[in-house]
Protein backbone atom coordinates (compact mmCIF):
# COMPACT_ATOMS: atom_id res chain seq x y z
CA MET A 1 138.24 86.58 130.47
CA LYS A 2 136.73 88.54 129.07
CA VAL A 3 137.75 92.25 128.29
CA ILE A 4 136.55 95.58 126.17
CA ILE A 5 139.78 97.20 125.21
CA CYS A 6 138.34 101.09 123.81
CA GLY A 7 141.18 102.36 121.47
CA ALA A 8 141.62 100.04 118.32
CA GLY A 9 144.70 102.51 117.69
CA GLN A 10 148.55 100.18 117.66
CA VAL A 11 148.15 99.92 121.90
CA GLY A 12 145.06 98.82 121.48
CA TRP A 13 145.29 96.81 119.08
CA GLN A 14 149.08 95.10 119.95
CA ILE A 15 146.51 94.23 123.43
CA ALA A 16 143.86 92.52 121.45
CA ARG A 17 146.27 90.38 120.08
CA HIS A 18 147.98 89.10 122.71
CA LEU A 19 144.87 88.63 124.89
CA SER A 20 142.75 87.06 121.84
CA GLY A 21 145.89 84.90 121.28
CA GLU A 22 145.26 83.33 124.68
CA ASN A 23 141.65 82.75 124.45
CA ASN A 24 140.40 85.44 126.34
CA ASP A 25 137.06 87.28 124.94
CA VAL A 26 138.17 90.12 123.25
CA THR A 27 136.15 93.31 122.12
CA VAL A 28 137.03 96.13 120.26
CA VAL A 29 135.66 99.30 120.48
CA ASP A 30 136.76 102.67 118.57
CA ASN A 31 135.44 105.06 116.69
CA ASN A 32 136.69 104.91 113.56
CA PRO A 33 134.91 102.29 112.20
CA GLU A 34 138.27 101.04 109.86
CA LEU A 35 140.04 100.53 112.66
CA VAL A 36 137.32 97.98 114.31
CA ARG A 37 137.16 96.39 110.25
CA ARG A 38 141.13 96.40 110.96
CA ALA A 39 141.42 94.62 114.46
CA THR A 40 138.31 92.27 113.69
CA GLU A 41 139.86 90.68 110.70
CA THR A 42 143.31 90.38 111.34
CA LEU A 43 142.44 89.00 115.11
CA ASP A 44 139.95 86.48 116.88
CA VAL A 45 138.08 89.21 118.39
CA GLN A 46 134.28 91.18 118.13
CA GLY A 47 134.53 95.02 117.29
CA ILE A 48 131.95 97.62 117.93
CA ALA A 49 132.48 100.99 117.02
CA GLY A 50 130.92 103.77 118.49
CA PHE A 51 131.90 105.96 121.17
CA ALA A 52 133.99 104.09 123.84
CA SER A 53 132.31 106.68 126.70
CA TYR A 54 128.82 106.17 125.42
CA PRO A 55 127.06 103.32 128.16
CA ASP A 56 124.08 101.87 124.70
CA ILE A 57 127.97 101.66 123.20
CA LEU A 58 129.60 99.49 126.36
CA ASP A 59 126.45 97.99 126.66
CA ARG A 60 126.98 96.19 123.02
CA ALA A 61 130.63 95.83 124.17
CA GLY A 62 129.52 93.26 127.26
CA ALA A 63 130.16 95.66 129.41
CA ARG A 64 127.65 93.59 131.87
CA ASP A 65 130.02 90.83 132.54
CA ALA A 66 132.99 91.91 131.57
CA ASP A 67 136.22 90.95 133.79
CA MET A 68 138.17 94.13 132.38
CA ILE A 69 138.36 97.35 130.71
CA ILE A 70 141.14 99.68 129.49
CA ALA A 71 140.84 102.27 127.77
CA ALA A 72 143.33 103.11 125.61
CA THR A 73 142.21 106.04 123.37
CA TYR A 74 144.20 108.71 122.07
CA SER A 75 141.62 111.32 124.34
CA ASP A 76 142.18 111.12 128.24
CA GLU A 77 138.82 112.14 129.09
CA VAL A 78 137.40 109.92 126.78
CA ASN A 79 139.12 106.88 129.31
CA MET A 80 138.09 108.91 132.24
CA VAL A 81 134.73 108.77 131.59
CA THR A 82 135.35 105.36 130.28
CA CYS A 83 136.45 103.91 133.05
CA GLN A 84 133.56 106.08 135.38
CA VAL A 85 131.17 104.81 133.47
CA ALA A 86 132.09 101.20 133.30
CA HIS A 87 132.27 101.67 137.68
CA SER A 88 128.95 103.65 137.91
CA VAL A 89 126.57 101.71 135.44
CA PHE A 90 128.53 98.37 134.72
CA ALA A 91 130.45 97.35 137.88
CA ILE A 92 133.20 96.06 135.63
CA PRO A 93 135.65 94.80 138.49
CA ARG A 94 139.05 96.55 136.68
CA LYS A 95 139.78 99.45 135.00
CA ILE A 96 142.64 100.56 133.53
CA ALA A 97 143.33 103.56 131.47
CA ARG A 98 146.18 105.30 129.57
CA LEU A 99 146.76 109.24 129.94
CA ARG A 100 149.02 111.98 128.72
CA SER A 101 148.20 115.20 130.74
CA GLN A 102 150.73 115.91 133.05
CA SER A 103 148.03 118.06 134.97
CA TYR A 104 146.03 114.78 135.07
CA LEU A 105 148.60 112.72 136.27
CA ASP A 106 149.40 115.16 138.83
CA ALA A 107 146.16 115.16 140.44
CA ILE A 108 146.11 111.48 140.31
CA TYR A 109 149.44 110.61 142.01
CA SER A 110 149.05 113.00 144.10
CA ASP A 111 145.80 111.09 145.82
CA LEU A 112 143.96 114.16 144.70
CA TYR A 113 141.58 111.39 142.59
CA ARG A 114 139.84 109.45 145.43
CA ARG A 115 138.71 105.38 143.60
CA ASP A 116 135.09 107.03 145.07
CA HIS A 117 135.40 109.69 142.62
CA MET A 118 137.18 108.57 139.94
CA PRO A 119 137.68 104.76 139.71
CA ILE A 120 140.49 104.08 137.46
CA ASP A 121 142.74 100.88 139.32
CA VAL A 122 145.53 101.21 136.96
CA VAL A 123 147.15 104.85 135.18
CA ILE A 124 149.18 104.16 132.33
CA SER A 125 151.35 107.36 131.60
CA PRO A 126 153.50 106.19 127.90
CA GLU A 127 155.29 109.61 128.67
CA ARG A 128 156.43 108.61 131.78
CA GLU A 129 157.13 105.02 130.69
CA VAL A 130 158.70 106.17 127.94
CA ALA A 131 160.78 108.23 130.22
CA GLU A 132 162.07 105.20 132.06
CA ALA A 133 163.15 103.85 129.15
CA ALA A 134 165.26 106.51 128.12
CA LEU A 135 166.83 106.66 131.38
CA GLN A 136 167.52 102.81 131.04
CA ARG A 137 169.13 103.17 127.99
CA LEU A 138 171.48 106.11 129.09
CA SER A 139 172.22 103.76 132.08
CA ALA A 140 173.23 100.78 129.67
CA PRO A 141 175.06 102.57 125.93
CA ALA A 142 176.63 99.60 125.10
CA ALA A 143 173.03 98.44 124.70
CA PHE A 144 170.44 98.82 122.13
CA ASP A 145 167.52 97.54 124.24
CA THR A 146 167.49 96.88 128.65
CA GLU A 147 164.87 96.18 131.09
CA ILE A 148 165.37 95.18 134.71
CA PHE A 149 163.76 92.03 136.54
CA LEU A 150 164.14 90.23 139.69
CA ASP A 151 163.65 93.26 142.11
CA GLY A 152 166.70 94.37 140.35
CA LYS A 153 168.59 91.56 140.79
CA ALA A 154 168.39 90.34 136.77
CA GLN A 155 168.40 92.30 133.30
CA ILE A 156 167.73 91.23 130.14
CA LEU A 157 170.14 93.50 127.61
CA GLY A 158 170.50 94.34 123.45
CA ILE A 159 173.25 93.46 122.54
CA THR A 160 174.90 93.86 118.64
CA ILE A 161 177.55 91.33 117.55
CA ASP A 162 180.15 93.05 116.18
CA ASP A 163 182.64 91.71 113.54
CA ASP A 164 185.59 92.83 116.54
CA CYS A 165 183.63 90.57 119.19
CA PRO A 166 185.74 87.78 121.20
CA VAL A 167 183.08 85.43 121.68
CA VAL A 168 181.95 85.61 117.25
CA ASN A 169 181.43 82.32 115.88
CA THR A 170 182.03 80.55 119.17
CA PRO A 171 178.98 78.04 119.92
CA LEU A 172 176.98 78.82 122.82
CA ARG A 173 177.90 75.78 125.10
CA GLN A 174 181.35 76.84 124.43
CA LEU A 175 180.59 80.49 126.43
CA THR A 176 179.80 78.22 130.09
CA ASP A 177 183.13 76.44 129.89
CA LEU A 178 184.93 80.05 128.66
CA PHE A 179 183.22 81.54 131.16
CA SER A 180 182.17 79.19 133.81
CA THR A 181 181.77 81.66 136.22
CA LEU A 182 179.71 84.39 134.16
CA ARG A 183 175.41 84.16 135.24
CA THR A 184 174.94 84.76 131.88
CA ILE A 185 172.31 83.39 128.97
CA VAL A 186 171.73 84.33 125.43
CA VAL A 187 167.72 83.41 125.42
CA GLY A 188 167.35 85.32 121.65
CA ILE A 189 168.67 86.27 118.95
CA ARG A 190 167.74 88.22 115.64
CA ARG A 191 169.16 87.71 112.47
CA GLU A 192 168.30 89.06 109.18
CA GLY A 193 164.85 89.63 110.56
CA ARG A 194 163.95 86.97 111.92
CA LEU A 195 163.28 86.42 116.07
CA PHE A 196 164.51 82.73 117.38
CA ALA A 197 165.50 80.93 120.63
CA PRO A 198 168.88 79.73 120.04
CA ASP A 199 170.13 75.94 120.97
CA PRO A 200 173.22 75.77 122.64
CA ASN A 201 175.24 74.82 119.01
CA ASP A 202 174.00 77.80 117.70
CA GLN A 203 176.63 80.53 117.11
CA LEU A 204 177.08 84.40 117.71
CA PHE A 205 177.60 85.58 114.15
CA PRO A 206 178.63 90.02 113.03
CA GLY A 207 174.98 92.14 112.74
CA ASP A 208 173.14 89.57 115.03
CA ALA A 209 171.11 91.24 117.62
CA CYS A 210 171.18 88.79 120.70
CA TYR A 211 169.11 89.26 124.00
CA VAL A 212 170.87 88.05 126.88
CA CYS A 213 169.79 87.39 130.50
CA VAL A 214 172.39 88.75 132.98
CA VAL A 215 172.88 88.57 136.85
CA ASP A 216 172.77 92.40 138.00
CA GLU A 217 176.47 92.18 139.00
CA ASP A 218 177.95 90.47 136.75
CA VAL A 219 176.66 93.18 133.88
CA PRO A 220 180.28 95.01 132.87
CA ARG A 221 181.63 92.00 132.96
CA THR A 222 178.97 90.35 130.11
CA LEU A 223 179.26 93.61 128.33
CA GLU A 224 183.17 93.25 128.41
CA VAL A 225 182.90 90.00 127.28
CA PHE A 226 180.67 90.74 124.16
CA GLY A 227 183.27 93.45 123.02
CA LYS A 228 181.70 96.26 124.45
CA THR A 229 182.72 99.59 125.96
CA VAL A 230 180.92 100.14 129.75
CA ARG A 231 180.94 104.57 129.33
CA THR A 232 180.12 106.40 132.20
CA GLN A 233 177.65 108.79 131.19
CA GLU A 234 177.94 112.51 132.26
CA ARG A 235 176.44 115.07 129.56
CA VAL A 236 173.33 114.73 127.88
CA VAL A 237 172.00 116.40 125.05
CA ILE A 238 168.05 115.86 125.25
CA VAL A 239 166.33 117.14 121.85
CA GLY A 240 162.52 117.73 122.67
CA GLY A 241 161.64 119.77 126.28
CA GLY A 242 158.21 118.11 126.13
CA ASN A 243 156.63 115.48 128.89
CA VAL A 244 158.83 112.81 127.95
CA GLY A 245 162.72 115.36 127.84
CA LEU A 246 161.27 117.06 130.46
CA ALA A 247 160.64 114.09 132.27
CA VAL A 248 163.90 112.70 131.90
CA ALA A 249 165.76 116.18 132.60
CA ARG A 250 163.88 115.97 135.89
CA ARG A 251 165.13 112.61 136.72
CA LEU A 252 168.38 113.70 135.75
CA GLU A 253 169.16 116.18 138.06
CA LYS A 254 167.70 114.37 140.79
CA LYS A 255 170.19 111.72 140.43
CA GLY A 256 173.11 114.15 140.63
CA ARG A 257 176.36 112.41 140.61
CA GLY A 258 177.95 115.14 137.83
CA ILE A 259 175.75 114.43 135.13
CA ARG A 260 174.99 117.31 132.81
CA ALA A 261 172.12 117.57 130.70
CA LYS A 262 170.62 120.77 128.21
CA VAL A 263 168.04 120.35 126.45
CA ILE A 264 166.37 121.63 122.59
CA GLU A 265 163.35 123.02 121.86
CA LYS A 266 162.16 124.43 118.72
CA ASN A 267 159.02 125.65 120.41
CA ARG A 268 159.66 128.79 121.94
CA LYS A 269 156.15 128.10 124.78
CA ILE A 270 157.46 124.84 125.54
CA ALA A 271 160.92 125.58 126.15
CA GLU A 272 159.96 128.70 128.49
CA HIS A 273 158.30 125.92 130.05
CA ALA A 274 161.42 123.11 130.52
CA ALA A 275 163.27 126.03 131.65
CA ASP A 276 160.61 126.81 134.68
CA GLU A 277 160.28 123.42 135.93
CA LEU A 278 164.00 122.62 135.36
CA GLU A 279 166.73 123.75 138.12
CA ARG A 280 170.12 122.90 137.30
CA THR A 281 169.40 122.31 133.83
CA ILE A 282 170.16 124.60 130.59
CA VAL A 283 167.18 125.46 127.72
CA LEU A 284 168.48 126.07 124.60
CA ASN A 285 165.54 127.05 122.22
CA GLY A 286 165.99 126.43 118.62
CA ASP A 287 166.13 123.39 115.96
CA GLY A 288 167.77 120.20 116.92
CA LEU A 289 168.67 120.01 113.27
CA ASP A 290 170.69 122.95 113.43
CA LYS A 291 174.66 122.44 113.60
CA ALA A 292 175.21 125.39 114.91
CA LEU A 293 173.07 124.77 118.06
CA LEU A 294 174.27 121.70 118.31
CA GLY A 295 177.31 122.53 118.45
CA GLU A 296 176.18 125.82 121.40
CA ALA A 297 174.91 122.54 123.41
CA GLY A 298 178.22 120.90 123.55
CA ILE A 299 177.42 117.86 121.21
CA HIS A 300 181.08 117.41 120.49
CA ARG A 301 181.91 116.70 123.76
CA ALA A 302 178.55 114.92 125.27
CA ASP A 303 178.59 111.62 125.76
CA ALA A 304 174.97 110.81 124.72
CA ILE A 305 172.16 112.19 122.68
CA LEU A 306 168.69 111.38 123.36
CA CYS A 307 166.24 112.65 120.67
CA VAL A 308 162.57 112.42 121.64
CA THR A 309 160.45 114.73 120.42
CA ASP A 310 157.20 114.10 118.53
CA ASP A 311 158.09 113.73 115.18
CA ASP A 312 160.42 110.39 114.01
CA LYS A 313 161.85 111.75 110.64
CA THR A 314 163.45 115.12 112.92
CA ASN A 315 164.57 112.38 115.71
CA ILE A 316 166.19 109.97 113.11
CA LEU A 317 167.84 113.30 111.27
CA ALA A 318 169.15 114.84 114.87
CA ALA A 319 170.80 111.44 116.15
CA VAL A 320 172.56 111.17 113.03
CA ARG A 321 173.73 114.63 112.91
CA ALA A 322 175.05 114.31 116.66
CA LYS A 323 177.12 111.02 115.10
CA ALA A 324 178.32 112.85 112.59
CA ILE A 325 179.65 115.24 114.24
CA GLY A 326 181.91 113.05 117.12
CA CYS A 327 178.63 111.54 119.55
CA PRO A 328 179.58 108.74 120.82
CA MET A 329 176.13 107.70 121.49
CA ALA A 330 172.65 107.81 119.55
CA ILE A 331 169.47 107.01 120.77
CA ALA A 332 166.26 108.28 119.04
CA LEU A 333 162.74 107.43 119.72
CA ILE A 334 160.64 106.48 116.79
CA ASN A 335 156.90 105.64 116.87
CA ASP A 336 156.60 104.25 113.82
CA PRO A 337 157.84 100.48 113.66
CA THR A 338 158.47 100.16 110.38
CA LEU A 339 162.10 102.91 110.68
CA VAL A 340 163.30 100.04 113.02
CA PRO A 341 165.02 98.97 110.87
CA LEU A 342 166.96 101.64 109.11
CA MET A 343 168.57 102.27 112.58
CA SER A 344 171.65 100.31 112.68
CA HIS A 345 172.24 101.38 108.81
CA LEU A 346 172.62 104.84 109.97
CA GLY A 347 174.58 104.17 113.46
CA ILE A 348 171.92 104.97 115.65
CA ASP A 349 172.79 102.83 118.87
CA ALA A 350 169.14 103.03 120.36
CA HIS A 351 165.68 102.88 120.38
CA ILE A 352 162.95 104.21 122.01
CA ASN A 353 158.94 102.54 120.92
CA PRO A 354 156.52 104.12 122.69
CA ARG A 355 153.95 101.66 121.77
CA GLN A 356 156.27 98.57 123.47
CA THR A 357 156.82 100.23 126.54
CA THR A 358 153.33 101.39 127.27
CA VAL A 359 152.18 97.61 125.74
CA SER A 360 154.56 95.98 128.13
CA SER A 361 153.66 98.26 130.61
CA ILE A 362 149.68 97.79 130.61
CA LEU A 363 150.31 93.71 130.02
CA ARG A 364 152.39 93.41 133.53
CA HIS A 365 149.13 95.24 135.43
CA ILE A 366 147.12 92.80 133.05
CA ARG A 367 148.73 89.20 134.16
CA HIS A 368 148.70 89.71 137.95
CA GLY A 369 148.33 87.11 139.94
CA ARG A 370 152.04 84.90 139.58
CA VAL A 371 153.39 86.76 137.17
CA ARG A 372 155.12 89.78 138.46
CA GLY A 373 156.34 91.47 135.15
CA VAL A 374 155.94 90.87 131.11
CA TYR A 375 158.35 92.48 129.01
CA SER A 376 157.70 92.54 125.32
CA ILE A 377 160.30 92.57 122.65
CA GLY A 378 160.58 93.73 118.80
CA ASP A 379 157.48 94.02 117.05
CA ALA A 380 155.29 91.64 119.96
CA GLU A 381 157.00 88.94 118.30
CA ALA A 382 158.85 87.52 121.55
CA GLU A 383 157.49 88.13 125.92
CA VAL A 384 160.42 88.03 128.62
CA ILE A 385 157.77 86.87 131.47
CA GLU A 386 158.86 87.00 135.09
CA ALA A 387 156.89 84.68 137.10
CA GLU A 388 155.95 82.52 140.54
CA VAL A 389 156.65 78.79 140.61
CA LEU A 390 153.14 77.28 141.93
CA SER A 391 153.12 74.15 143.63
CA THR A 392 150.39 72.88 141.31
CA SER A 393 152.76 73.79 137.84
CA PRO A 394 153.60 71.01 135.48
CA ILE A 395 157.15 72.24 136.01
CA ALA A 396 157.51 72.06 140.36
CA GLY A 397 160.13 69.41 141.33
CA ARG A 398 161.69 68.87 137.62
CA THR A 399 165.12 70.08 136.66
CA VAL A 400 165.01 72.25 133.84
CA ARG A 401 166.91 69.26 131.24
CA ASP A 402 163.18 67.50 131.89
CA ILE A 403 160.74 70.10 131.05
CA GLU A 404 159.81 69.84 127.85
CA PHE A 405 159.51 74.03 126.74
CA PRO A 406 158.25 74.82 123.41
CA GLU A 407 161.31 75.69 120.57
CA GLY A 408 160.84 79.24 120.96
CA VAL A 409 161.57 79.03 124.99
CA LEU A 410 164.14 79.46 127.32
CA ILE A 411 164.35 79.95 130.83
CA GLY A 412 166.81 82.93 131.53
CA ALA A 413 167.28 83.24 135.56
CA ILE A 414 165.92 81.81 138.54
CA GLN A 415 165.43 83.62 142.05
CA GLN A 416 165.75 80.96 144.30
CA ASN A 417 165.77 82.03 148.45
CA GLY A 418 165.92 85.79 147.11
CA LYS A 419 169.00 84.44 145.36
CA VAL A 420 169.34 84.82 141.67
CA ILE A 421 171.56 81.55 139.66
CA LYS A 422 171.95 80.85 136.46
CA PRO A 423 169.62 77.67 134.89
CA GLN A 424 171.64 74.78 134.03
CA GLY A 425 170.46 71.37 133.11
CA HIS A 426 170.35 69.89 136.52
CA THR A 427 168.84 72.80 138.25
CA LYS A 428 166.01 71.97 140.04
CA ILE A 429 162.99 74.19 140.03
CA GLU A 430 160.76 74.88 143.43
CA ALA A 431 157.34 75.81 144.44
CA GLY A 432 157.89 79.62 145.33
CA ASP A 433 161.01 79.97 142.39
CA VAL A 434 160.48 82.94 140.61
CA ILE A 435 161.57 82.48 137.10
CA LEU A 436 162.43 84.79 133.97
CA ILE A 437 161.08 83.17 130.91
CA PHE A 438 162.06 84.60 126.67
CA ALA A 439 158.88 83.03 124.78
CA LEU A 440 158.21 83.27 121.40
CA ALA A 441 154.79 84.84 121.30
CA ASP A 442 153.42 81.63 119.55
CA ASP A 443 154.75 79.99 122.61
CA VAL A 444 153.50 82.31 125.64
CA PRO A 445 149.68 80.63 126.19
CA GLU A 446 152.05 77.14 126.64
CA VAL A 447 154.45 79.03 128.95
CA GLU A 448 151.18 80.22 130.81
CA ARG A 449 149.75 76.69 130.81
CA LEU A 450 153.07 75.34 132.45
CA LEU A 451 153.43 78.43 134.96
CA GLN A 452 149.30 77.66 135.72
CA VAL A 453 148.97 81.63 135.77
CA SER A 454 146.68 82.51 133.47
CA ILE A 455 143.42 82.00 134.90
CA ASP A 456 144.36 84.14 137.53
CA TYR A 457 145.17 87.87 135.58
CA PHE A 458 144.08 90.43 138.81
């Protein structure tokens, strides 16, 4: 597949990294020559320096025979014009655009822009993706990461192993014996900074961050087994009233169920806009780092604080201050991945990485065909892939123990005839089953070969 990626920033670079690693013909376009040089020197891609919306630049990038264009520059207008040029001049079949402005999003989602007039096949909204990720974190407060799969019937939970965890120092194979009816599998472990797929003899140690695949009905019991207390989030303080904070507050209002939220926003104009848009949520104008203002927002009685300003340091410090005051859960939006290792040391319970959520969203739309979902873990270190098994796949008709997966690959769940089951060695995978696979980045191409999905992207 030939792909043009417009924008060589964090998101564009990660998408280029994924696609080039899977033997696709990738060209990166950016008006910053340094970003283009970084991409061409570190990845197996071609690079063009110039404005992505210019027809001559797209022509040089190979638009005449491209299969897909991904417009992920920092400008909404450039992304939209790029898709228009790609459609009108070069007839590129599939066009994906990242858009941030709420005004554009409202118009597009309300169908004001018809495909013939604004030919964008998929719109990616980082703010909406981040807001959804924040809501998922709030719904599973004991987990530092969470994503839903298999039509909502299974989840991937990120769980930190504490000293008092009941299953610490227990070989993973014994978990099946101890909890025979629990449909849970540990598919990944991060230990001392290294992420790996465990084997049955591996144990969990304090400080490990493990990724667990669990059937939705078994989530509460799984958290209990791993020593986590399930708390109901009824009072939430949101620091940051911009697009992300406003989207979260709106969703919390729609949920109802006694959930009460308060928003703190430093910019008066943004605070006034948020207050106008929200019906039952109290909006406070002031600094989220102000201890007195946090007290006015009721942080000492809150179940969680969600820090989603556009400044990483503000988010970190506000989360730390809230924890010091006594808030049991703090979630911070972090753009700089180098700050993520600090989270556990500072006592911050969970973080949201906008780049990770946006990359995962784009990958879901790129890998259509038999792949139904993709979630990127960490700094693109691994993926969780949800895919339907084809009748021609090498794994169809074979038992799990007989499939020669790479060491960095584990099956977390299997959906057969609409029912999600926990895979065991004797479980037979049939054509039409939907499987959930954890795969380290280097092993993704082999997984796609076994699933026979790499040739069918859209």
